[in-house]
Amino acid sequence: MMEVLVVAAILGLFASMVIPQFAKAHEPVATLLEHTLEADLRLARTEAMTRARPVSLVVSADGSSWWIADHATLGTPVGGLVRTCGQSSLYELAGVSLLVKRDADGTAATSGSGVRVLATFDSLGARDGATVDLAARDANGAIVGEWTILAGRTRLSHLRGN
């Protein structure tokens, strides 16, 4: 009887450590997207200071991917790194697309290649003066999250979403 109690206690201890980890394993789409974009904004800022040249965080024309690029060549990702919804660590974002709006008039800054500039950092790491509104849509077109990035900031202000 004592052995059964010891085994039950060990199983209970193991379950109390493992079950909460499974509950946290499924992070909401909006939260995952928000954290990844904020990390990439900080990385773009660091990249601009390291290169001593303007660097931008760029979103593809269809909104399914984004990358950090030298501001002079927005279509070419720095180091070839492109984050794509539904691939690699963003596999939970399959079918999600980003809509980028800039400033109060709702227009987005686009380059000749159709990519949208989310933020630009100068050689000292200062961000441009544009307030950017973002929305994320799932494969069905429903909005799963909305954010604003205030002028000069690298943090997303959560407006709505899960």
N, C-alpha and C. Protein backbone atom coordinates (compact mmCIF):
# COMPACT_ATOMS: atom_id res chain seq x y z
N MET A 1 0.83 -1.20 0.00
CA MET A 1 0.00 0.00 0.00
C MET A 1 0.88 1.26 0.00
N MET A 2 1.94 1.21 0.74
CA MET A 2 2.86 2.35 0.82
C MET A 2 3.49 2.63 -0.54
N GLU A 3 3.85 1.59 -1.28
CA GLU A 3 4.44 1.76 -2.60
C GLU A 3 3.46 2.42 -3.56
N VAL A 4 2.19 2.04 -3.49
CA VAL A 4 1.17 2.63 -4.34
C VAL A 4 1.01 4.11 -4.02
N LEU A 5 1.04 4.48 -2.76
CA LEU A 5 0.94 5.88 -2.37
C LEU A 5 2.14 6.70 -2.87
N VAL A 6 3.32 6.11 -2.79
CA VAL A 6 4.52 6.80 -3.25
C VAL A 6 4.44 7.01 -4.78
N VAL A 7 4.04 5.99 -5.52
CA VAL A 7 3.90 6.10 -6.97
C VAL A 7 2.83 7.13 -7.32
N ALA A 8 1.71 7.13 -6.60
CA ALA A 8 0.65 8.11 -6.85
C ALA A 8 1.14 9.53 -6.57
N ALA A 9 1.93 9.71 -5.53
CA ALA A 9 2.47 11.02 -5.21
C ALA A 9 3.44 11.50 -6.29
N ILE A 10 4.26 10.60 -6.79
CA ILE A 10 5.22 10.95 -7.84
C ILE A 10 4.47 11.32 -9.13
N LEU A 11 3.45 10.54 -9.48
CA LEU A 11 2.65 10.84 -10.66
C LEU A 11 1.91 12.18 -10.50
N GLY A 12 1.41 12.44 -9.33
CA GLY A 12 0.73 13.72 -9.06
C GLY A 12 1.69 14.89 -9.18
N LEU A 13 2.89 14.75 -8.67
CA LEU A 13 3.90 15.79 -8.77
C LEU A 13 4.27 16.03 -10.24
N PHE A 14 4.48 14.95 -10.98
CA PHE A 14 4.80 15.05 -12.40
C PHE A 14 3.67 15.74 -13.17
N ALA A 15 2.44 15.35 -12.90
CA ALA A 15 1.29 15.94 -13.59
C ALA A 15 1.16 17.43 -13.26
N SER A 16 1.44 17.82 -12.02
CA SER A 16 1.32 19.23 -11.65
C SER A 16 2.37 20.10 -12.35
N MET A 17 3.47 19.50 -12.78
CA MET A 17 4.48 20.25 -13.50
C MET A 17 4.21 20.26 -15.00
N VAL A 18 3.69 19.18 -15.55
CA VAL A 18 3.54 19.04 -16.99
C VAL A 18 2.24 19.65 -17.52
N ILE A 19 1.14 19.45 -16.85
CA ILE A 19 -0.16 19.91 -17.36
C ILE A 19 -0.21 21.42 -17.56
N PRO A 20 0.29 22.26 -16.65
CA PRO A 20 0.27 23.71 -16.92
C PRO A 20 1.09 24.10 -18.15
N GLN A 21 2.15 23.35 -18.46
CA GLN A 21 2.94 23.64 -19.64
C GLN A 21 2.15 23.41 -20.92
N PHE A 22 1.31 22.38 -20.92
CA PHE A 22 0.46 22.12 -22.08
C PHE A 22 -0.59 23.21 -22.24
N ALA A 23 -1.08 23.75 -21.16
CA ALA A 23 -2.09 24.81 -21.22
C ALA A 23 -1.49 26.08 -21.84
N LYS A 24 -0.21 26.35 -21.57
CA LYS A 24 0.44 27.54 -22.10
C LYS A 24 0.99 27.33 -23.51
N ALA A 25 1.00 26.10 -23.98
CA ALA A 25 1.62 25.79 -25.27
C ALA A 25 0.90 26.45 -26.44
N HIS A 26 -0.39 26.66 -26.33
CA HIS A 26 -1.13 27.26 -27.43
C HIS A 26 -1.34 28.75 -27.14
N GLU A 27 -0.42 29.54 -27.64
CA GLU A 27 -0.49 30.98 -27.46
C GLU A 27 -1.42 31.57 -28.52
N PRO A 28 -2.28 32.51 -28.16
CA PRO A 28 -3.17 33.11 -29.15
C PRO A 28 -2.39 33.72 -30.32
N VAL A 29 -3.00 33.68 -31.50
CA VAL A 29 -2.38 34.18 -32.72
C VAL A 29 -1.93 35.63 -32.55
N ALA A 30 -2.80 36.48 -32.03
CA ALA A 30 -2.47 37.90 -31.89
C ALA A 30 -1.27 38.11 -30.98
N THR A 31 -1.17 37.34 -29.90
CA THR A 31 -0.06 37.49 -28.96
C THR A 31 1.25 37.06 -29.60
N LEU A 32 1.23 35.93 -30.31
CA LEU A 32 2.43 35.45 -30.99
C LEU A 32 2.90 36.47 -32.03
N LEU A 33 1.99 36.99 -32.79
CA LEU A 33 2.32 37.98 -33.81
C LEU A 33 2.87 39.25 -33.18
N GLU A 34 2.23 39.71 -32.12
CA GLU A 34 2.67 40.92 -31.42
C GLU A 34 4.10 40.78 -30.89
N HIS A 35 4.38 39.69 -30.22
CA HIS A 35 5.72 39.48 -29.65
C HIS A 35 6.78 39.37 -30.73
N THR A 36 6.46 38.69 -31.82
CA THR A 36 7.43 38.53 -32.91
C THR A 36 7.71 39.87 -33.59
N LEU A 37 6.67 40.65 -33.85
CA LEU A 37 6.87 41.96 -34.48
C LEU A 37 7.67 42.91 -33.59
N GLU A 38 7.38 42.91 -32.29
CA GLU A 38 8.13 43.78 -31.38
C GLU A 38 9.60 43.38 -31.35
N ALA A 39 9.88 42.08 -31.33
CA ALA A 39 11.27 41.62 -31.34
C ALA A 39 11.96 42.04 -32.64
N ASP A 40 11.25 41.95 -33.75
CA ASP A 40 11.85 42.34 -35.02
C ASP A 40 12.03 43.86 -35.13
N LEU A 41 11.17 44.64 -34.52
CA LEU A 41 11.37 46.09 -34.49
C LEU A 41 12.64 46.44 -33.72
N ARG A 42 12.84 45.78 -32.59
CA ARG A 42 14.07 46.01 -31.81
C ARG A 42 15.30 45.55 -32.58
N LEU A 43 15.17 44.42 -33.28
CA LEU A 43 16.29 43.92 -34.09
C LEU A 43 16.61 44.89 -35.23
N ALA A 44 15.60 45.45 -35.86
CA ALA A 44 15.82 46.42 -36.94
C ALA A 44 16.54 47.66 -36.40
N ARG A 45 16.16 48.09 -35.22
CA ARG A 45 16.82 49.25 -34.61
C ARG A 45 18.29 48.95 -34.36
N THR A 46 18.57 47.78 -33.81
CA THR A 46 19.95 47.38 -33.54
C THR A 46 20.74 47.26 -34.84
N GLU A 47 20.11 46.69 -35.86
CA GLU A 47 20.75 46.53 -37.17
C GLU A 47 21.12 47.89 -37.77
N ALA A 48 20.24 48.88 -37.62
CA ALA A 48 20.53 50.22 -38.14
C ALA A 48 21.74 50.83 -37.44
N MET A 49 21.82 50.67 -36.13
CA MET A 49 22.95 51.22 -35.39
C MET A 49 24.24 50.47 -35.74
N THR A 50 24.15 49.16 -35.92
CA THR A 50 25.33 48.37 -36.26
C THR A 50 25.86 48.72 -37.63
N ARG A 51 24.97 48.89 -38.60
CA ARG A 51 25.36 49.21 -39.97
C ARG A 51 25.65 50.70 -40.17
N ALA A 52 25.20 51.54 -39.23
CA ALA A 52 25.32 53.00 -39.34
C ALA A 52 24.66 53.50 -40.63
N ARG A 53 23.52 52.86 -40.97
CA ARG A 53 22.72 53.23 -42.14
C ARG A 53 21.26 53.01 -41.82
N PRO A 54 20.36 53.72 -42.51
CA PRO A 54 18.93 53.51 -42.26
C PRO A 54 18.49 52.09 -42.61
N VAL A 55 17.68 51.51 -41.73
CA VAL A 55 17.16 50.16 -41.90
C VAL A 55 15.66 50.21 -41.67
N SER A 56 14.91 49.41 -42.44
CA SER A 56 13.45 49.39 -42.32
C SER A 56 12.95 47.98 -42.03
N LEU A 57 11.82 47.91 -41.34
CA LEU A 57 11.09 46.66 -41.19
C LEU A 57 10.00 46.73 -42.26
N VAL A 58 9.98 45.74 -43.15
CA VAL A 58 9.16 45.76 -44.35
C VAL A 58 8.18 44.60 -44.35
N VAL A 59 6.95 44.85 -44.79
CA VAL A 59 5.92 43.82 -44.90
C VAL A 59 5.65 43.60 -46.39
N SER A 60 5.53 42.33 -46.80
CA SER A 60 5.28 42.02 -48.21
C SER A 60 3.94 42.59 -48.65
N ALA A 61 3.76 42.70 -49.96
CA ALA A 61 2.55 43.29 -50.53
C ALA A 61 1.30 42.52 -50.10
N ASP A 62 1.40 41.19 -49.97
CA ASP A 62 0.23 40.40 -49.57
C ASP A 62 0.09 40.29 -48.05
N GLY A 63 1.06 40.79 -47.30
CA GLY A 63 1.00 40.79 -45.85
C GLY A 63 1.30 39.48 -45.18
N SER A 64 1.76 38.49 -45.93
CA SER A 64 2.01 37.17 -45.35
C SER A 64 3.42 37.02 -44.78
N SER A 65 4.30 37.97 -45.06
CA SER A 65 5.67 37.88 -44.54
C SER A 65 6.25 39.27 -44.30
N TRP A 66 7.34 39.31 -43.54
CA TRP A 66 8.04 40.57 -43.29
C TRP A 66 9.51 40.29 -43.07
N TRP A 67 10.33 41.34 -43.22
CA TRP A 67 11.76 41.21 -43.08
C TRP A 67 12.37 42.56 -42.76
N ILE A 68 13.64 42.51 -42.38
CA ILE A 68 14.43 43.71 -42.12
C ILE A 68 15.28 43.95 -43.36
N ALA A 69 15.27 45.20 -43.87
CA ALA A 69 16.01 45.52 -45.08
C ALA A 69 16.73 46.85 -44.94
N ASP A 70 17.84 46.97 -45.65
CA ASP A 70 18.50 48.25 -45.78
C ASP A 70 17.49 49.17 -46.47
N HIS A 71 17.36 50.39 -45.99
CA HIS A 71 16.32 51.28 -46.52
C HIS A 71 16.50 51.59 -48.01
N ALA A 72 17.72 51.48 -48.51
CA ALA A 72 17.97 51.74 -49.92
C ALA A 72 17.50 50.58 -50.81
N THR A 73 17.42 49.37 -50.26
CA THR A 73 17.01 48.19 -51.02
C THR A 73 15.95 47.42 -50.23
N LEU A 74 14.74 47.94 -50.21
CA LEU A 74 13.68 47.38 -49.37
C LEU A 74 13.27 45.97 -49.74
N GLY A 75 13.47 45.57 -50.98
CA GLY A 75 13.06 44.24 -51.39
C GLY A 75 14.04 43.14 -51.03
N THR A 76 15.21 43.51 -50.53
CA THR A 76 16.24 42.52 -50.20
C THR A 76 16.41 42.41 -48.68
N PRO A 77 16.02 41.26 -48.10
CA PRO A 77 16.15 41.08 -46.65
C PRO A 77 17.61 41.05 -46.21
N VAL A 78 17.90 41.68 -45.08
CA VAL A 78 19.23 41.63 -44.48
C VAL A 78 19.47 40.19 -44.03
N GLY A 79 20.55 39.61 -44.49
CA GLY A 79 20.89 38.25 -44.10
C GLY A 79 19.96 37.19 -44.68
N GLY A 80 19.07 37.58 -45.58
CA GLY A 80 18.16 36.62 -46.20
C GLY A 80 17.04 36.12 -45.30
N LEU A 81 16.90 36.71 -44.11
CA LEU A 81 15.88 36.25 -43.16
C LEU A 81 14.53 36.87 -43.46
N VAL A 82 13.56 36.03 -43.80
CA VAL A 82 12.19 36.46 -44.05
C VAL A 82 11.29 35.67 -43.11
N ARG A 83 10.47 36.37 -42.34
CA ARG A 83 9.49 35.70 -41.48
C ARG A 83 8.20 35.54 -42.28
N THR A 84 7.74 34.31 -42.40
CA THR A 84 6.55 34.02 -43.18
C THR A 84 5.52 33.33 -42.30
N CYS A 85 4.30 33.86 -42.31
CA CYS A 85 3.22 33.26 -41.53
C CYS A 85 2.97 31.84 -42.03
N GLY A 86 2.92 30.90 -41.08
CA GLY A 86 2.68 29.50 -41.41
C GLY A 86 3.93 28.68 -41.58
N GLN A 87 5.10 29.29 -41.47
CA GLN A 87 6.36 28.56 -41.62
C GLN A 87 7.23 28.71 -40.40
N SER A 88 8.03 27.71 -40.14
CA SER A 88 9.02 27.70 -39.06
C SER A 88 8.35 27.98 -37.71
N SER A 89 8.89 28.92 -36.95
CA SER A 89 8.33 29.22 -35.62
C SER A 89 6.98 29.92 -35.69
N LEU A 90 6.57 30.35 -36.88
CA LEU A 90 5.28 31.02 -37.05
C LEU A 90 4.24 30.09 -37.69
N TYR A 91 4.41 28.78 -37.49
CA TYR A 91 3.50 27.82 -38.12
C TYR A 91 2.06 28.02 -37.66
N GLU A 92 1.84 28.51 -36.45
CA GLU A 92 0.48 28.76 -35.95
C GLU A 92 -0.20 29.92 -36.67
N LEU A 93 0.56 30.70 -37.42
CA LEU A 93 0.01 31.86 -38.11
C LEU A 93 -0.36 31.56 -39.56
N ALA A 94 -0.52 30.29 -39.90
CA ALA A 94 -0.87 29.92 -41.28
C ALA A 94 -2.15 30.64 -41.70
N GLY A 95 -2.10 31.29 -42.83
CA GLY A 95 -3.25 32.01 -43.36
C GLY A 95 -3.43 33.41 -42.83
N VAL A 96 -2.59 33.83 -41.88
CA VAL A 96 -2.70 35.17 -41.30
C VAL A 96 -1.97 36.17 -42.21
N SER A 97 -2.55 37.34 -42.37
CA SER A 97 -1.89 38.39 -43.15
C SER A 97 -1.96 39.70 -42.39
N LEU A 98 -0.95 40.53 -42.58
CA LEU A 98 -0.86 41.84 -41.93
C LEU A 98 -1.33 42.94 -42.87
N LEU A 99 -2.15 43.82 -42.36
CA LEU A 99 -2.55 45.02 -43.09
C LEU A 99 -1.87 46.19 -42.40
N VAL A 100 -1.16 47.00 -43.16
CA VAL A 100 -0.40 48.11 -42.60
C VAL A 100 -1.01 49.42 -43.07
N LYS A 101 -1.32 50.29 -42.09
CA LYS A 101 -1.78 51.64 -42.40
C LYS A 101 -0.83 52.59 -41.69
N ARG A 102 -0.62 53.74 -42.28
CA ARG A 102 0.27 54.73 -41.66
C ARG A 102 -0.47 56.03 -41.45
N ASP A 103 -0.25 56.66 -40.33
CA ASP A 103 -0.78 57.97 -40.00
C ASP A 103 -2.31 58.03 -40.03
N ALA A 104 -2.82 59.20 -39.79
CA ALA A 104 -4.26 59.39 -39.65
C ALA A 104 -5.03 59.20 -40.95
N ASP A 105 -4.41 59.46 -42.10
CA ASP A 105 -5.14 59.33 -43.36
C ASP A 105 -5.27 57.88 -43.83
N GLY A 106 -4.60 56.94 -43.14
CA GLY A 106 -4.76 55.53 -43.47
C GLY A 106 -3.95 55.07 -44.66
N THR A 107 -3.09 55.92 -45.20
CA THR A 107 -2.28 55.48 -46.33
C THR A 107 -1.05 54.76 -45.83
N ALA A 108 -0.60 53.80 -46.58
CA ALA A 108 0.59 53.05 -46.23
C ALA A 108 1.73 53.47 -47.13
N ALA A 109 2.91 53.53 -46.55
CA ALA A 109 4.08 53.87 -47.36
C ALA A 109 4.48 52.62 -48.13
N THR A 110 4.47 52.72 -49.44
CA THR A 110 4.86 51.59 -50.26
C THR A 110 6.04 51.98 -51.11
N SER A 111 6.84 50.98 -51.42
CA SER A 111 7.98 51.23 -52.30
C SER A 111 7.57 50.85 -53.72
N GLY A 112 8.48 50.99 -54.65
CA GLY A 112 8.21 50.62 -56.02
C GLY A 112 7.88 49.15 -56.19
N SER A 113 8.37 48.31 -55.29
CA SER A 113 8.12 46.87 -55.40
C SER A 113 6.82 46.46 -54.70
N GLY A 114 6.10 47.41 -54.15
CA GLY A 114 4.82 47.11 -53.53
C GLY A 114 4.90 46.70 -52.07
N VAL A 115 6.10 46.61 -51.49
CA VAL A 115 6.21 46.26 -50.08
C VAL A 115 5.82 47.46 -49.24
N ARG A 116 5.39 47.21 -48.03
CA ARG A 116 4.97 48.28 -47.13
C ARG A 116 6.01 48.44 -46.02
N VAL A 117 6.40 49.67 -45.80
CA VAL A 117 7.39 49.98 -44.76
C VAL A 117 6.66 50.13 -43.44
N LEU A 118 6.96 49.26 -42.49
CA LEU A 118 6.35 49.32 -41.17
C LEU A 118 7.02 50.37 -40.31
N ALA A 119 8.34 50.41 -40.34
CA ALA A 119 9.10 51.39 -39.55
C ALA A 119 10.50 51.52 -40.15
N THR A 120 11.06 52.72 -40.03
CA THR A 120 12.42 52.96 -40.49
C THR A 120 13.22 53.54 -39.34
N PHE A 121 14.44 53.04 -39.19
CA PHE A 121 15.35 53.50 -38.14
C PHE A 121 16.56 54.14 -38.79
N ASP A 122 16.98 55.31 -38.26
CA ASP A 122 18.16 55.94 -38.83
C ASP A 122 19.42 55.32 -38.24
N SER A 123 20.57 55.83 -38.64
CA SER A 123 21.84 55.23 -38.23
C SER A 123 22.10 55.32 -36.73
N LEU A 124 21.37 56.18 -36.03
CA LEU A 124 21.51 56.28 -34.58
C LEU A 124 20.45 55.47 -33.83
N GLY A 125 19.59 54.79 -34.58
CA GLY A 125 18.56 53.95 -33.96
C GLY A 125 17.25 54.66 -33.68
N ALA A 126 17.12 55.91 -34.11
CA ALA A 126 15.87 56.64 -33.90
C ALA A 126 14.86 56.21 -34.96
N ARG A 127 13.63 55.99 -34.53
CA ARG A 127 12.58 55.56 -35.46
C ARG A 127 11.93 56.75 -36.13
N ASP A 128 11.35 56.54 -37.30
CA ASP A 128 10.66 57.59 -38.04
C ASP A 128 9.49 58.14 -37.23
N GLY A 129 8.92 59.23 -37.69
CA GLY A 129 7.87 59.91 -36.95
C GLY A 129 6.46 59.48 -37.33
N ALA A 130 6.30 58.35 -37.97
CA ALA A 130 4.97 57.92 -38.41
C ALA A 130 4.30 57.04 -37.35
N THR A 131 3.02 57.30 -37.12
CA THR A 131 2.21 56.41 -36.31
C THR A 131 1.65 55.36 -37.25
N VAL A 132 1.81 54.10 -36.90
CA VAL A 132 1.42 53.00 -37.78
C VAL A 132 0.30 52.20 -37.14
N ASP A 133 -0.75 51.95 -37.90
CA ASP A 133 -1.84 51.08 -37.47
C ASP A 133 -1.70 49.76 -38.20
N LEU A 134 -1.80 48.67 -37.45
CA LEU A 134 -1.69 47.32 -38.00
C LEU A 134 -2.94 46.54 -37.69
N ALA A 135 -3.30 45.65 -38.58
CA ALA A 135 -4.37 44.69 -38.31
C ALA A 135 -3.92 43.35 -38.86
N ALA A 136 -4.28 42.29 -38.17
CA ALA A 136 -3.99 40.94 -38.64
C ALA A 136 -5.31 40.25 -38.94
N ARG A 137 -5.37 39.64 -40.12
CA ARG A 137 -6.57 38.91 -40.54
C ARG A 137 -6.23 37.43 -40.70
N ASP A 138 -7.19 36.58 -40.33
CA ASP A 138 -6.98 35.15 -40.54
C ASP A 138 -7.35 34.78 -41.97
N ALA A 139 -7.29 33.49 -42.29
CA ALA A 139 -7.56 33.03 -43.66
C ALA A 139 -8.98 33.35 -44.12
N ASN A 140 -9.91 33.50 -43.17
CA ASN A 140 -11.30 33.82 -43.50
C ASN A 140 -11.56 35.31 -43.62
N GLY A 141 -10.55 36.13 -43.35
CA GLY A 141 -10.70 37.58 -43.43
C GLY A 141 -11.11 38.24 -42.13
N ALA A 142 -11.31 37.46 -41.08
CA ALA A 142 -11.69 38.02 -39.78
C ALA A 142 -10.47 38.64 -39.10
N ILE A 143 -10.66 39.79 -38.47
CA ILE A 143 -9.56 40.44 -37.77
C ILE A 143 -9.28 39.70 -36.46
N VAL A 144 -8.02 39.26 -36.29
CA VAL A 144 -7.62 38.54 -35.08
C VAL A 144 -6.84 39.43 -34.12
N GLY A 145 -6.43 40.61 -34.58
CA GLY A 145 -5.71 41.53 -33.71
C GLY A 145 -5.49 42.86 -34.40
N GLU A 146 -5.45 43.91 -33.59
CA GLU A 146 -5.15 45.25 -34.09
C GLU A 146 -4.21 45.94 -33.13
N TRP A 147 -3.26 46.69 -33.69
CA TRP A 147 -2.27 47.40 -32.89
C TRP A 147 -1.97 48.76 -33.50
N THR A 148 -1.38 49.62 -32.68
CA THR A 148 -0.84 50.89 -33.13
C THR A 148 0.60 50.96 -32.64
N ILE A 149 1.48 51.46 -33.48
CA ILE A 149 2.85 51.75 -33.07
C ILE A 149 2.99 53.26 -33.13
N LEU A 150 3.14 53.87 -31.98
CA LEU A 150 3.25 55.32 -31.92
C LEU A 150 4.56 55.80 -32.54
N ALA A 151 4.56 57.02 -33.01
CA ALA A 151 5.74 57.61 -33.64
C ALA A 151 6.95 57.50 -32.72
N GLY A 152 8.07 57.06 -33.27
CA GLY A 152 9.31 56.96 -32.51
C GLY A 152 9.40 55.76 -31.58
N ARG A 153 8.38 54.93 -31.51
CA ARG A 153 8.37 53.80 -30.57
C ARG A 153 8.62 52.48 -31.28
N THR A 154 8.97 51.45 -30.49
CA THR A 154 9.13 50.10 -31.03
C THR A 154 8.16 49.12 -30.37
N ARG A 155 7.29 49.61 -29.50
CA ARG A 155 6.30 48.75 -28.83
C ARG A 155 4.96 48.89 -29.51
N LEU A 156 4.24 47.78 -29.60
CA LEU A 156 2.91 47.79 -30.18
C LEU A 156 1.89 48.04 -29.07
N SER A 157 0.99 48.96 -29.29
CA SER A 157 -0.12 49.20 -28.37
C SER A 157 -1.29 48.35 -28.83
N HIS A 158 -1.69 47.43 -27.97
CA HIS A 158 -2.74 46.47 -28.31
C HIS A 158 -4.09 47.16 -28.34
N LEU A 159 -4.78 47.08 -29.46
CA LEU A 159 -6.11 47.67 -29.57
C LEU A 159 -7.20 46.62 -29.35
N ARG A 160 -7.09 45.50 -30.07
CA ARG A 160 -8.02 44.41 -29.85
C ARG A 160 -7.49 43.13 -30.45
N GLY A 161 -8.07 42.02 -30.04
CA GLY A 161 -7.67 40.69 -30.53
C GLY A 161 -7.49 39.76 -29.36
N ASN A 162 -7.29 38.48 -29.68
CA ASN A 162 -7.16 37.48 -28.59
C ASN A 162 -5.77 37.43 -28.05
